[in-house]
C-alpha atoms as a PDB file:
ATOM      1  CA  MET A   1      11.226   7.247  13.483  1.00  0.00           C
ATOM      2  CA  ILE A   2      11.795   8.100  17.384  1.00  0.00           C
ATOM      3  CA  VAL A   3      12.513   5.006  19.750  1.00  0.00           C
ATOM      4  CA  SER A   4       9.056   4.979  21.025  1.00  0.00           C
ATOM      5  CA  GLU A   5       7.363   4.636  17.403  1.00  0.00           C
ATOM      6  CA  ARG A   6       9.966   1.943  17.388  1.00  0.00           C
ATOM      7  CA  ILE A   7       8.757   0.219  20.860  1.00  0.00           C
ATOM      8  CA  LYS A   8       5.171   0.849  19.140  1.00  0.00           C
ATOM      9  CA  ILE A   9       6.035  -1.178  16.119  1.00  0.00           C
ATOM     10  CA  LEU A  10       7.674  -4.069  18.914  1.00  0.00           C
ATOM     11  CA  SER A  11       4.591  -4.062  20.645  1.00  0.00           C
ATOM     12  CA  GLU A  12       2.249  -4.443  17.513  1.00  0.00           C
ATOM     13  CA  LEU A  13       4.572  -7.678  16.621  1.00  0.00           C
ATOM     14  CA  GLY A  14       3.861  -8.924  19.903  1.00  0.00           C
ATOM     15  CA  ASN A  15       0.471  -8.971  19.957  1.00  0.00           C
ATOM     16  CA  ASN A  16       0.654 -10.328  16.777  1.00  0.00           C
ATOM     17  CA  PHE A  17       2.926 -13.278  17.829  1.00  0.00           C
ATOM     18  CA  ALA A  18      -0.087 -13.761  20.566  1.00  0.00           C
ATOM     19  CA  GLN A  19      -3.178 -14.015  18.072  1.00  0.00           C
ATOM     20  CA  VAL A  20      -0.966 -16.155  15.552  1.00  0.00           C
ATOM     21  CA  CYS A  21      -1.691 -19.235  18.482  1.00  0.00           C
ATOM     22  CA  LYS A  22      -5.184 -18.345  18.509  1.00  0.00           C
ATOM     23  CA  ASN A  23      -5.328 -18.132  14.794  1.00  0.00           C
ATOM     24  CA  ASN A  24      -3.280 -19.961  12.322  1.00  0.00           C
ATOM     25  CA  SER A  25      -4.143 -17.346   9.381  1.00  0.00           C
ATOM     26  CA  PHE A  26      -3.927 -14.318  11.424  1.00  0.00           C
ATOM     27  CA  LYS A  27      -2.314 -11.398   9.288  1.00  0.00           C
ATOM     28  CA  ASN A  28      -0.617 -13.521   6.123  1.00  0.00           C
ATOM     29  CA  PHE A  29       0.672 -15.910   8.477  1.00  0.00           C
ATOM     30  CA  PRO A  30       2.397 -19.088   6.100  1.00  0.00           C
ATOM     31  CA  GLY A  31       1.098 -21.485   8.772  1.00  0.00           C
ATOM     32  CA  PHE A  32       2.695 -24.039  10.985  1.00  0.00           C
ATOM     33  CA  ASN A  33       2.151 -27.200   8.263  1.00  0.00           C
ATOM     34  CA  LYS A  34       4.083 -24.820   5.971  1.00  0.00           C
ATOM     35  CA  ILE A  35       6.510 -23.909   8.375  1.00  0.00           C
ATOM     36  CA  GLU A  36       7.205 -27.638   9.533  1.00  0.00           C
ATOM     37  CA  ILE A  37       7.418 -29.102   5.977  1.00  0.00           C
ATOM     38  CA  HIS A  38      10.008 -26.467   4.963  1.00  0.00           C
ATOM     39  CA  ASN A  39      11.870 -27.273   8.047  1.00  0.00           C
ATOM     40  CA  PRO A  40      10.490 -30.233  10.003  1.00  0.00           C
ATOM     41  CA  TRP A  41      12.596 -29.788  13.335  1.00  0.00           C
ATOM     42  CA  PHE A  42       9.837 -26.509  13.552  1.00  0.00           C
ATOM     43  CA  ILE A  43       7.199 -28.499  14.602  1.00  0.00           C
ATOM     44  CA  GLU A  44       4.031 -26.553  15.561  1.00  0.00           C
ATOM     45  CA  ASP A  45       4.730 -27.224  19.699  1.00  0.00           C
ATOM     46  CA  ASN A  46       7.985 -25.910  19.322  1.00  0.00           C
ATOM     47  CA  VAL A  47       7.145 -22.831  17.039  1.00  0.00           C
ATOM     48  CA  LYS A  48       3.988 -21.892  19.045  1.00  0.00           C
ATOM     49  CA  PHE A  49       6.531 -21.732  22.323  1.00  0.00           C
ATOM     50  CA  ALA A  50       8.624 -19.320  20.896  1.00  0.00           C
ATOM     51  CA  LEU A  51       6.026 -16.923  19.556  1.00  0.00           C
ATOM     52  CA  LYS A  52       4.189 -17.409  23.219  1.00  0.00           C
ATOM     53  CA  GLU A  53       7.453 -16.627  24.912  1.00  0.00           C
ATOM     54  CA  TRP A  54       8.258 -13.367  22.391  1.00  0.00           C
ATOM     55  CA  SER A  55       4.793 -12.121  22.870  1.00  0.00           C
ATOM     56  CA  LYS A  56       5.285 -11.915  26.523  1.00  0.00           C
ATOM     57  CA  LEU A  57       8.421  -9.772  26.033  1.00  0.00           C
ATOM     58  CA  LEU A  58       7.620  -8.095  23.517  1.00  0.00           C
ATOM     59  CA  LYS A  59       5.338  -5.531  25.716  1.00  0.00           C
ATOM     60  CA  PRO A  60       5.700  -1.648  25.717  1.00  0.00           C
ATOM     61  CA  GLU A  61       6.403  -1.841  29.760  1.00  0.00           C
ATOM     62  CA  ILE A  62       8.881  -4.722  29.667  1.00  0.00           C
ATOM     63  CA  LEU A  63      10.235  -3.255  26.452  1.00  0.00           C
ATOM     64  CA  ASN A  64      10.599   0.677  28.303  1.00  0.00           C
ATOM     65  CA  GLU A  65      11.891  -1.144  31.281  1.00  0.00           C
ATOM     66  CA  TRP A  66      14.614  -3.159  29.001  1.00  0.00           C
ATOM     67  CA  LEU A  67      15.641   0.094  27.208  1.00  0.00           C
ATOM     68  CA  SER A  68      15.559   2.327  30.061  1.00  0.00           C
ATOM     69  CA  ALA A  69      19.202   0.841  31.111  1.00  0.00           C
ATOM     70  CA  TYR A  70      20.253   2.876  28.297  1.00  0.00           C
ATOM     71  CA  GLN A  71      20.431   6.197  26.705  1.00  0.00           C
ATOM     72  CA  ILE A  72      19.123   5.923  22.487  1.00  0.00           C
ATOM     73  CA  PRO A  73      19.119   8.847  20.977  1.00  0.00           C
ATOM     74  CA  ASP A  74      15.774   9.639  18.920  1.00  0.00           C
ATOM     75  CA  LYS A  75      17.984  11.078  16.193  1.00  0.00           C
ATOM     76  CA  ASN A  76      21.158   9.001  15.599  1.00  0.00           C
ATOM     77  CA  ASN A  77      24.389  11.196  15.080  1.00  0.00           C
ATOM     78  CA  LYS A  78      25.217   8.311  12.491  1.00  0.00           C
ATOM     79  CA  ASN A  79      23.284   6.303  10.500  1.00  0.00           C
ATOM     80  CA  ILE A  80      24.799   2.523  10.722  1.00  0.00           C
ATOM     81  CA  LYS A  81      24.568   0.331   8.502  1.00  0.00           C
ATOM     82  CA  LEU A  82      24.226  -3.182  10.656  1.00  0.00           C
ATOM     83  CA  GLY A  83      24.739  -6.551   8.797  1.00  0.00           C
ATOM     84  CA  ILE A  84      23.139  -9.729  10.909  1.00  0.00           C
ATOM     85  CA  ILE A  85      23.746 -13.374   9.423  1.00  0.00           C
ATOM     86  CA  SER A  86      21.304 -15.080  11.845  1.00  0.00           C
ATOM     87  CA  ALA A  87      21.323 -18.921  12.891  1.00  0.00           C
ATOM     88  CA  GLY A  88      18.691 -20.988  11.988  1.00  0.00           C
ATOM     89  CA  ASN A  89      18.488 -24.097  14.686  1.00  0.00           C
ATOM     90  CA  ILE A  90      15.751 -22.717  16.400  1.00  0.00           C
ATOM     91  CA  PRO A  91      12.643 -20.771  15.373  1.00  0.00           C
ATOM     92  CA  LEU A  92      13.328 -17.511  15.911  1.00  0.00           C
ATOM     93  CA  VAL A  93      16.810 -17.432  17.132  1.00  0.00           C
ATOM     94  CA  GLY A  94      17.833 -14.301  15.169  1.00  0.00           C
ATOM     95  CA  LEU A  95      14.932 -11.914  16.520  1.00  0.00           C
ATOM     96  CA  HIS A  96      16.720 -10.629  19.705  1.00  0.00           C
ATOM     97  CA  ASP A  97      19.826  -9.379  17.278  1.00  0.00           C
ATOM     98  CA  LEU A  98      17.171  -8.031  14.886  1.00  0.00           C
ATOM     99  CA  ILE A  99      15.243  -6.001  17.474  1.00  0.00           C
ATOM    100  CA  CYS A 100      18.526  -4.651  18.910  1.00  0.00           C
ATOM    101  CA  GLY A 101      19.089  -3.083  15.629  1.00  0.00           C
ATOM    102  CA  PHE A 102      16.020  -1.820  14.711  1.00  0.00           C
ATOM    103  CA  ILE A 103      15.438  -0.170  18.079  1.00  0.00           C
ATOM    104  CA  CYS A 104      19.063   1.321  18.228  1.00  0.00           C
ATOM    105  CA  GLY A 105      18.040   2.725  14.522  1.00  0.00           C
ATOM    106  CA  ALA A 106      20.251   1.230  12.419  1.00  0.00           C
ATOM    107  CA  GLN A 107      19.395   0.631   8.887  1.00  0.00           C
ATOM    108  CA  LEU A 108      19.082  -3.276   8.910  1.00  0.00           C
ATOM    109  CA  LYS A 109      20.868  -6.189   5.621  1.00  0.00           C
ATOM    110  CA  VAL A 110      19.697  -9.218   7.228  1.00  0.00           C
ATOM    111  CA  LYS A 111      20.951 -12.615   6.043  1.00  0.00           C
ATOM    112  CA  LEU A 112      18.294 -15.361   7.013  1.00  0.00           C
ATOM    113  CA  SER A 113      19.529 -18.649   7.593  1.00  0.00           C
ATOM    114  CA  SER A 114      17.920 -20.886   5.197  1.00  0.00           C
ATOM    115  CA  LYS A 115      16.343 -23.180   7.439  1.00  0.00           C
ATOM    116  CA  ASP A 116      14.448 -20.224   9.266  1.00  0.00           C
ATOM    117  CA  ASN A 117      13.682 -17.998   6.629  1.00  0.00           C
ATOM    118  CA  ILE A 118       9.855 -18.243   6.486  1.00  0.00           C
ATOM    119  CA  LEU A 119       8.941 -17.421   9.921  1.00  0.00           C
ATOM    120  CA  MET A 120      11.752 -14.668  10.077  1.00  0.00           C
ATOM    121  CA  LYS A 121      10.785 -13.239   7.031  1.00  0.00           C
ATOM    122  CA  TRP A 122       7.090 -13.068   7.813  1.00  0.00           C
ATOM    123  CA  VAL A 123       8.042 -11.217  10.997  1.00  0.00           C
ATOM    124  CA  ILE A 124      10.165  -8.719   9.076  1.00  0.00           C
ATOM    125  CA  ASP A 125       7.224  -8.146   7.003  1.00  0.00           C
ATOM    126  CA  ILE A 126       5.161  -7.301   9.420  1.00  0.00           C
ATOM    127  CA  ILE A 127       7.725  -4.763  10.939  1.00  0.00           C
ATOM    128  CA  ASN A 128       8.433  -3.556   7.238  1.00  0.00           C
ATOM    129  CA  ASN A 129       4.833  -3.035   6.861  1.00  0.00           C
ATOM    130  CA  SER A 130       4.686  -0.415   9.684  1.00  0.00           C
ATOM    131  CA  ILE A 131       7.294   1.457   8.241  1.00  0.00           C
ATOM    132  CA  ILE A 132       6.601   4.860   6.852  1.00  0.00           C
ATOM    133  CA  ASP A 133       9.716   5.945   5.719  1.00  0.00           C
ATOM    134  CA  GLN A 134      11.585   3.673   3.120  1.00  0.00           C
ATOM    135  CA  SER A 135      15.127   4.181   3.965  1.00  0.00           C
ATOM    136  CA  ASP A 136      14.018   2.650   7.777  1.00  0.00           C
ATOM    137  CA  LYS A 137      12.981  -0.400   6.184  1.00  0.00           C
ATOM    138  CA  ILE A 138      14.674  -3.976   6.652  1.00  0.00           C
ATOM    139  CA  ILE A 139      16.405  -5.742   4.121  1.00  0.00           C
ATOM    140  CA  THR A 140      16.777  -9.114   3.313  1.00  0.00           C
ATOM    141  CA  THR A 141      18.945 -11.586   1.507  1.00  0.00           C
ATOM    142  CA  GLU A 142      19.843 -14.928   0.386  1.00  0.00           C
ATOM    143  CA  GLU A 143      23.626 -13.199  -1.355  1.00  0.00           C
ATOM    144  CA  ARG A 144      26.659 -12.429   0.341  1.00  0.00           C
ATOM    145  CA  LEU A 145      26.468  -9.215   2.952  1.00  0.00           C
ATOM    146  CA  LYS A 146      27.813  -6.297   1.423  1.00  0.00           C
ATOM    147  CA  ASP A 147      27.980  -2.705   1.956  1.00  0.00           C
ATOM    148  CA  PHE A 148      27.781  -2.712   5.896  1.00  0.00           C
ATOM    149  CA  ASP A 149      29.927  -0.452   8.286  1.00  0.00           C
ATOM    150  CA  ALA A 150      29.543  -3.365  11.408  1.00  0.00           C
ATOM    151  CA  ILE A 151      28.674  -7.159  11.588  1.00  0.00           C
ATOM    152  CA  ILE A 152      26.415  -9.687  13.843  1.00  0.00           C
ATOM    153  CA  ALA A 153      27.249 -13.261  12.492  1.00  0.00           C
ATOM    154  CA  THR A 154      25.864 -16.169  14.669  1.00  0.00           C
ATOM    155  CA  GLY A 155      27.265 -19.882  13.299  1.00  0.00           C
ATOM    156  CA  SER A 156      29.197 -22.990  14.390  1.00  0.00           C
ATOM    157  CA  ASN A 157      32.828 -22.978  15.055  1.00  0.00           C
ATOM    158  CA  ASN A 158      33.797 -23.769  11.612  1.00  0.00           C
ATOM    159  CA  THR A 159      31.514 -20.938  10.481  1.00  0.00           C
ATOM    160  CA  ASN A 160      33.011 -18.759  12.812  1.00  0.00           C
ATOM    161  CA  ARG A 161      36.415 -19.089  11.811  1.00  0.00           C
ATOM    162  CA  TYR A 162      35.439 -17.734   8.542  1.00  0.00           C
ATOM    163  CA  PHE A 163      33.418 -14.999  10.082  1.00  0.00           C
ATOM    164  CA  GLU A 164      37.124 -14.201  11.805  1.00  0.00           C
ATOM    165  CA  TYR A 165      38.783 -13.910   8.609  1.00  0.00           C
ATOM    166  CA  TYR A 166      36.162 -12.107   6.197  1.00  0.00           C
ATOM    167  CA  PHE A 167      34.882  -9.530   8.848  1.00  0.00           C
ATOM    168  CA  GLY A 168      38.169  -8.809  10.441  1.00  0.00           C
ATOM    169  CA  ASP A 169      38.432  -5.032   9.818  1.00  0.00           C
ATOM    170  CA  TYR A 170      34.652  -4.621  11.049  1.00  0.00           C
ATOM    171  CA  PRO A 171      33.112  -4.215  14.259  1.00  0.00           C
ATOM    172  CA  LYS A 172      31.221  -7.312  15.120  1.00  0.00           C
ATOM    173  CA  ILE A 173      29.961  -9.430  17.506  1.00  0.00           C
ATOM    174  CA  LEU A 174      30.566 -13.447  16.240  1.00  0.00           C
ATOM    175  CA  ARG A 175      28.670 -16.041  18.270  1.00  0.00           C
ATOM    176  CA  HIS A 176      30.149 -19.620  18.018  1.00  0.00           C
ATOM    177  CA  ASN A 177      28.831 -22.979  19.036  1.00  0.00           C
ATOM    178  CA  ARG A 178      28.208 -22.853  22.822  1.00  0.00           C
ATOM    179  CA  ASN A 179      26.244 -25.550  25.311  1.00  0.00           C
ATOM    180  CA  SER A 180      24.250 -25.168  28.569  1.00  0.00           C
ATOM    181  CA  VAL A 181      25.052 -27.624  31.821  1.00  0.00           C
ATOM    182  CA  ALA A 182      23.192 -28.644  34.704  1.00  0.00           C
ATOM    183  CA  ILE A 183      24.341 -29.650  37.941  1.00  0.00           C
ATOM    184  CA  ILE A 184      22.479 -31.917  39.947  1.00  0.00           C
ATOM    185  CA  THR A 185      22.476 -31.984  43.439  1.00  0.00           C
ATOM    186  CA  GLY A 186      19.939 -35.268  44.123  1.00  0.00           C
ATOM    187  CA  ASN A 187      17.782 -33.231  46.066  1.00  0.00           C
ATOM    188  CA  GLU A 188      15.805 -32.154  43.382  1.00  0.00           C
ATOM    189  CA  THR A 189      11.979 -33.517  43.491  1.00  0.00           C
ATOM    190  CA  LYS A 190      10.101 -34.700  40.271  1.00  0.00           C
ATOM    191  CA  GLN A 191       8.452 -31.041  39.298  1.00  0.00           C
ATOM    192  CA  GLU A 192      11.957 -29.669  39.247  1.00  0.00           C
ATOM    193  CA  LEU A 193      13.672 -32.479  37.083  1.00  0.00           C
ATOM    194  CA  GLU A 194      10.221 -31.950  35.113  1.00  0.00           C
ATOM    195  CA  LEU A 195      11.178 -28.446  34.384  1.00  0.00           C
ATOM    196  CA  LEU A 196      15.173 -30.068  33.659  1.00  0.00           C
ATOM    197  CA  ALA A 197      13.412 -31.841  30.654  1.00  0.00           C
ATOM    198  CA  ASP A 198      12.365 -29.107  29.690  1.00  0.00           C
ATOM    199  CA  ASP A 199      15.809 -27.533  29.229  1.00  0.00           C
ATOM    200  CA  VAL A 200      16.829 -30.783  27.824  1.00  0.00           C
ATOM    201  CA  PHE A 201      14.314 -31.405  25.073  1.00  0.00           C
ATOM    202  CA  ARG A 202      12.836 -28.222  24.263  1.00  0.00           C
ATOM    203  CA  TYR A 203      13.315 -27.615  20.407  1.00  0.00           C
ATOM    204  CA  PHE A 204      14.658 -30.880  20.312  1.00  0.00           C
ATOM    205  CA  GLY A 205      17.814 -29.993  21.968  1.00  0.00           C
ATOM    206  CA  LEU A 206      19.260 -27.892  19.557  1.00  0.00           C
ATOM    207  CA  GLY A 207      19.642 -24.727  21.208  1.00  0.00           C
ATOM    208  CA  CYS A 208      22.558 -22.870  22.601  1.00  0.00           C
ATOM    209  CA  ARG A 209      20.428 -22.698  25.623  1.00  0.00           C
ATOM    210  CA  ASN A 210      19.866 -25.892  25.678  1.00  0.00           C
ATOM    211  CA  VAL A 211      21.257 -28.629  28.652  1.00  0.00           C
ATOM    212  CA  SER A 212      23.639 -31.452  26.854  1.00  0.00           C
ATOM    213  CA  ALA A 213      25.594 -31.813  29.610  1.00  0.00           C
ATOM    214  CA  LEU A 214      25.122 -32.992  33.705  1.00  0.00           C
ATOM    215  CA  PHE A 215      27.108 -32.737  36.623  1.00  0.00           C
ATOM    216  CA  VAL A 216      25.823 -35.248  38.967  1.00  0.00           C
ATOM    217  CA  PRO A 217      26.970 -36.490  42.619  1.00  0.00           C
ATOM    218  CA  LYS A 218      29.063 -39.748  42.761  1.00  0.00           C
ATOM    219  CA  ASP A 219      26.341 -42.740  43.471  1.00  0.00           C
ATOM    220  CA  TYR A 220      23.892 -40.407  41.777  1.00  0.00           C
ATOM    221  CA  ASN A 221      20.497 -42.766  41.407  1.00  0.00           C
ATOM    222  CA  PHE A 222      18.840 -41.443  37.920  1.00  0.00           C
ATOM    223  CA  ASP A 223      15.314 -43.957  38.208  1.00  0.00           C
ATOM    224  CA  LEU A 224      13.543 -40.231  39.392  1.00  0.00           C
ATOM    225  CA  MET A 225      15.512 -38.297  36.411  1.00  0.00           C
ATOM    226  CA  GLY A 226      14.117 -40.919  34.086  1.00  0.00           C
ATOM    227  CA  GLN A 227      10.542 -40.899  35.083  1.00  0.00           C
ATOM    228  CA  ALA A 228      10.501 -37.177  35.308  1.00  0.00           C
ATOM    229  CA  PHE A 229      12.008 -37.167  31.569  1.00  0.00           C
ATOM    230  CA  GLN A 230       9.182 -39.377  30.273  1.00  0.00           C
ATOM    231  CA  LYS A 231       7.211 -35.858  30.181  1.00  0.00           C
ATOM    232  CA  TYR A 232       8.890 -35.820  26.592  1.00  0.00           C
ATOM    233  CA  LEU A 233       8.820 -39.920  25.415  1.00  0.00           C
ATOM    234  CA  SER A 234       6.698 -38.757  22.371  1.00  0.00           C
ATOM    235  CA  LEU A 235       9.680 -36.913  20.726  1.00  0.00           C
ATOM    236  CA  ALA A 236      10.970 -40.729  20.164  1.00  0.00           C
ATOM    237  CA  ASP A 237       7.307 -40.458  17.724  1.00  0.00           C
ATOM    238  CA  ASN A 238       9.091 -37.936  15.795  1.00  0.00           C
ATOM    239  CA  ASN A 239      10.822 -39.452  12.786  1.00  0.00           C
ATOM    240  CA  LYS A 240      13.761 -37.225  12.553  1.00  0.00           C
ATOM    241  CA  TYR A 241      14.389 -37.437  16.069  1.00  0.00           C
ATOM    242  CA  ALA A 242      13.958 -41.124  15.979  1.00  0.00           C
ATOM    243  CA  ASN A 243      16.667 -41.217  12.935  1.00  0.00           C
ATOM    244  CA  ASN A 244      18.933 -39.805  15.838  1.00  0.00           C
ATOM    245  CA  LEU A 245      18.323 -41.853  18.825  1.00  0.00           C
ATOM    246  CA  ILE A 246      18.203 -44.744  16.620  1.00  0.00           C
ATOM    247  CA  TYR A 247      21.796 -43.790  15.066  1.00  0.00           C
ATOM    248  CA  GLN A 248      23.248 -42.956  18.407  1.00  0.00           C
ATOM    249  CA  TYR A 249      22.138 -46.199  20.073  1.00  0.00           C
ATOM    250  CA  THR A 250      23.320 -48.169  17.355  1.00  0.00           C
ATOM    251  CA  ILE A 251      26.902 -46.449  17.880  1.00  0.00           C
ATOM    252  CA  ILE A 252      26.596 -47.090  21.416  1.00  0.00           C
ATOM    253  CA  SER A 253      25.655 -50.543  21.407  1.00  0.00           C
ATOM    254  CA  MET A 254      28.307 -51.671  18.519  1.00  0.00           C
ATOM    255  CA  ASN A 255      31.451 -49.886  21.224  1.00  0.00           C
ATOM    256  CA  GLN A 256      29.911 -51.429  24.012  1.00  0.00           C
ATOM    257  CA  MET A 257      29.793 -48.165  25.500  1.00  0.00           C
ATOM    258  CA  VAL A 258      27.693 -48.135  29.114  1.00  0.00           C
ATOM    259  CA  HIS A 259      24.418 -46.113  28.901  1.00  0.00           C
ATOM    260  CA  ILE A 260      21.460 -45.165  30.617  1.00  0.00           C
ATOM    261  CA  ASN A 261      18.694 -45.548  27.826  1.00  0.00           C
ATOM    262  CA  PHE A 262      15.649 -43.257  29.352  1.00  0.00           C
ATOM    263  CA  GLY A 263      13.295 -44.164  26.116  1.00  0.00           C
ATOM    264  CA  ASN A 264      13.545 -40.857  24.308  1.00  0.00           C
ATOM    265  CA  CYS A 265      17.475 -39.996  25.282  1.00  0.00           C
ATOM    266  CA  LEU A 266      20.462 -41.666  25.926  1.00  0.00           C
ATOM    267  CA  LEU A 267      23.153 -40.746  28.927  1.00  0.00           C
ATOM    268  CA  VAL A 268      26.467 -41.718  28.360  1.00  0.00           C
ATOM    269  CA  GLU A 269      29.601 -40.253  30.804  1.00  0.00           C
ATOM    270  CA  ASN A 270      31.143 -38.182  29.229  1.00  0.00           C
ATOM    271  CA  SER A 271      33.699 -34.628  29.282  1.00  0.00           C
ATOM    272  CA  ASN A 272      32.530 -33.204  26.205  1.00  0.00           C
ATOM    273  CA  LEU A 273      29.776 -30.528  27.407  1.00  0.00           C
ATOM    274  CA  TYR A 274      28.772 -31.094  23.559  1.00  0.00           C
ATOM    275  CA  SER A 275      26.612 -34.064  23.181  1.00  0.00           C
ATOM    276  CA  PRO A 276      24.805 -34.782  19.554  1.00  0.00           C
ATOM    277  CA  ILE A 277      20.950 -35.209  19.544  1.00  0.00           C
ATOM    278  CA  SER A 278      19.156 -37.840  21.449  1.00  0.00           C
ATOM    279  CA  VAL A 279      22.323 -38.440  23.677  1.00  0.00           C
ATOM    280  CA  LEU A 280      23.096 -35.981  27.274  1.00  0.00           C
ATOM    281  CA  HIS A 281      26.409 -36.474  28.759  1.00  0.00           C
ATOM    282  CA  TYR A 282      27.044 -36.704  32.121  1.00  0.00           C
ATOM    283  CA  ASN A 283      29.906 -36.563  34.638  1.00  0.00           C
ATOM    284  CA  TYR A 284      30.577 -37.070  38.364  1.00  0.00           C
ATOM    285  CA  TYR A 285      31.470 -34.865  40.660  1.00  0.00           C
ATOM    286  CA  LYS A 286      32.824 -34.432  44.482  1.00  0.00           C
ATOM    287  CA  ASN A 287      31.778 -31.192  45.577  1.00  0.00           C
ATOM    288  CA  THR A 288      30.826 -27.441  44.520  1.00  0.00           C
ATOM    289  CA  ASN A 289      34.379 -25.879  44.378  1.00  0.00           C
ATOM    290  CA  ASP A 290      35.509 -28.114  41.689  1.00  0.00           C
ATOM    291  CA  VAL A 291      32.166 -27.696  39.788  1.00  0.00           C
ATOM    292  CA  ASN A 292      32.798 -24.000  39.936  1.00  0.00           C
ATOM    293  CA  THR A 293      36.356 -23.866  39.029  1.00  0.00           C
ATOM    294  CA  LEU A 294      35.784 -26.470  35.796  1.00  0.00           C
ATOM    295  CA  LEU A 295      32.516 -23.952  34.792  1.00  0.00           C
ATOM    296  CA  ALA A 296      35.132 -20.953  35.130  1.00  0.00           C
ATOM    297  CA  HIS A 297      37.202 -22.799  32.787  1.00  0.00           C
ATOM    298  CA  ASN A 298      34.879 -23.612  30.233  1.00  0.00           C
ATOM    299  CA  ARG A 299      32.649 -20.689  30.342  1.00  0.00           C
ATOM    300  CA  GLU A 300      33.884 -19.330  26.925  1.00  0.00           C
ATOM    301  CA  ASN A 301      31.700 -22.702  25.774  1.00  0.00           C
ATOM    302  CA  ILE A 302      29.251 -22.372  28.330  1.00  0.00           C
ATOM    303  CA  GLN A 303      25.275 -20.634  27.387  1.00  0.00           C
ATOM    304  CA  CYS A 304      23.462 -21.760  30.447  1.00  0.00           C
ATOM    305  CA  ILE A 305      24.029 -23.230  33.916  1.00  0.00           C
ATOM    306  CA  VAL A 306      21.152 -24.770  35.326  1.00  0.00           C
ATOM    307  CA  SER A 307      20.627 -25.937  39.502  1.00  0.00           C
ATOM    308  CA  ILE A 308      18.926 -25.729  42.666  1.00  0.00           C
ATOM    309  CA  ASN A 309      21.960 -25.352  44.355  1.00  0.00           C
ATOM    310  CA  ASP A 310      22.480 -21.453  45.141  1.00  0.00           C
ATOM    311  CA  LYS A 311      26.627 -22.113  45.106  1.00  0.00           C
ATOM    312  CA  ILE A 312      27.005 -22.834  41.913  1.00  0.00           C
ATOM    313  CA  LYS A 313      27.961 -19.261  40.389  1.00  0.00           C
ATOM    314  CA  LYS A 314      25.917 -17.602  38.165  1.00  0.00           C
ATOM    315  CA  SER A 315      22.882 -20.500  37.608  1.00  0.00           C
ATOM    316  CA  ILE A 316      19.630 -20.220  36.767  1.00  0.00           C
ATOM    317  CA  GLN A 317      16.614 -22.754  38.272  1.00  0.00           C
ATOM    318  CA  PRO A 318      15.694 -25.446  35.902  1.00  0.00           C
ATOM    319  CA  GLY A 319      12.904 -24.819  33.320  1.00  0.00           C
ATOM    320  CA  GLN A 320      14.343 -21.291  32.664  1.00  0.00           C
ATOM    321  CA  THR A 321      17.032 -22.112  29.893  1.00  0.00           C
ATOM    322  CA  GLN A 322      14.108 -21.549  26.992  1.00  0.00           C
ATOM    323  CA  GLN A 323      12.563 -17.944  28.437  1.00  0.00           C
ATOM    324  CA  PRO A 324      15.699 -15.885  28.656  1.00  0.00           C
ATOM    325  CA  LYS A 325      14.723 -12.355  29.243  1.00  0.00           C
ATOM    326  CA  LEU A 326      15.410  -9.119  27.140  1.00  0.00           C
ATOM    327  CA  ASN A 327      18.792  -8.270  28.958  1.00  0.00           C
ATOM    328  CA  GLU A 328      19.898 -11.848  28.782  1.00  0.00           C
ATOM    329  CA  TYR A 329      22.479 -11.362  25.554  1.00  0.00           C
ATOM    330  CA  ALA A 330      24.165 -14.358  23.613  1.00  0.00           C
ATOM    331  CA  ASP A 331      27.407 -15.168  25.140  1.00  0.00           C
ATOM    332  CA  ASN A 332      27.265 -12.209  27.520  1.00  0.00           C
ATOM    333  CA  ILE A 333      27.913  -9.270  24.971  1.00  0.00           C
ATOM    334  CA  ASP A 334      25.378  -6.428  25.173  1.00  0.00           C
ATOM    335  CA  THR A 335      24.385  -5.616  21.885  1.00  0.00           C
ATOM    336  CA  ILE A 336      22.595  -2.778  22.363  1.00  0.00           C
ATOM    337  CA  LYS A 337      25.685  -1.235  24.093  1.00  0.00           C
ATOM    338  CA  PHE A 338      27.698  -2.228  20.828  1.00  0.00           C
ATOM    339  CA  LEU A 339      25.448  -0.549  18.677  1.00  0.00           C
ATOM    340  CA  LEU A 340      25.492   2.331  20.605  1.00  0.00           C
ATOM    341  CA  ASN A 341      29.020   2.572  20.968  1.00  0.00           C
ATOM    342  CA  LEU A 342      29.178   2.658  16.972  1.00  0.00           C
ATOM    343  CA  GLN A 343      27.513   5.856  16.742  1.00  0.00           C
ATOM    344  CA  LEU A 344      30.005   8.045  18.828  1.00  0.00           C
END
């Protein structure tokens, strides 16, 4: 297939995503209930959100604009066998890697996460059913990946050490745990704080693009934030999330830790950028320069920086963390460029 044919297939995939949100039985869709039963974190609202966001991206004009920055040959000089090990923390989290490999004409072997093997398998089936040439079809496996030229693997920090050892001699992109942070000025409106709540709570906070730590000015008043965060008060009714909330509250109370209870999350002063599910860490800061220095020092562990302060370097506005563009690559590693360099 030439690139334009691949773009057409992806565009049709985006149309399918939009239709699924209107009609659950569309094109062999497994159903939101089945997906949630398999993984209770994948509630219908979150799966629909992921499908809708991808349907906005998988349009011909957006795909063409994204790919116009590259020179992708219609006839590859070398047919790369690309292995992909997907994460499964949020719905369709592995789709961007798959699309990059597909666009570049690589032979794809994908090891799906057991947490997201129903939704992603449905996506891959749609793509494969649109492909005529058998050699272009995407292969999925539950076994250890074999017979590949390059690898893209996403996992935890511990898993990443295994990846480094096992894939040491291969061209690779290896991703580990990252977290996102927000720098609060104290001048945010309630609407802006409600958008920040999206960054914190969407997908229950399980994604690397979810804000897990706040930097707030000294003597910051959390009252307005607490009101804004009530937008997601219903999360406390979800069994899995509620179990985490109760557990964390118990630990915090037993240790007599100072905390703020919003009802749907617990705020604890802690310098760790990672926070457990249902907990949000915060730290006080004195000035913007100090924050920028700290962020630069921790850049390898940060995915997104959220702030309305334009003096915070490389920051985005509240509400945008779960709406990345196609050219916003995980860990800031250009996947398309990586794949094209393999063909030189």
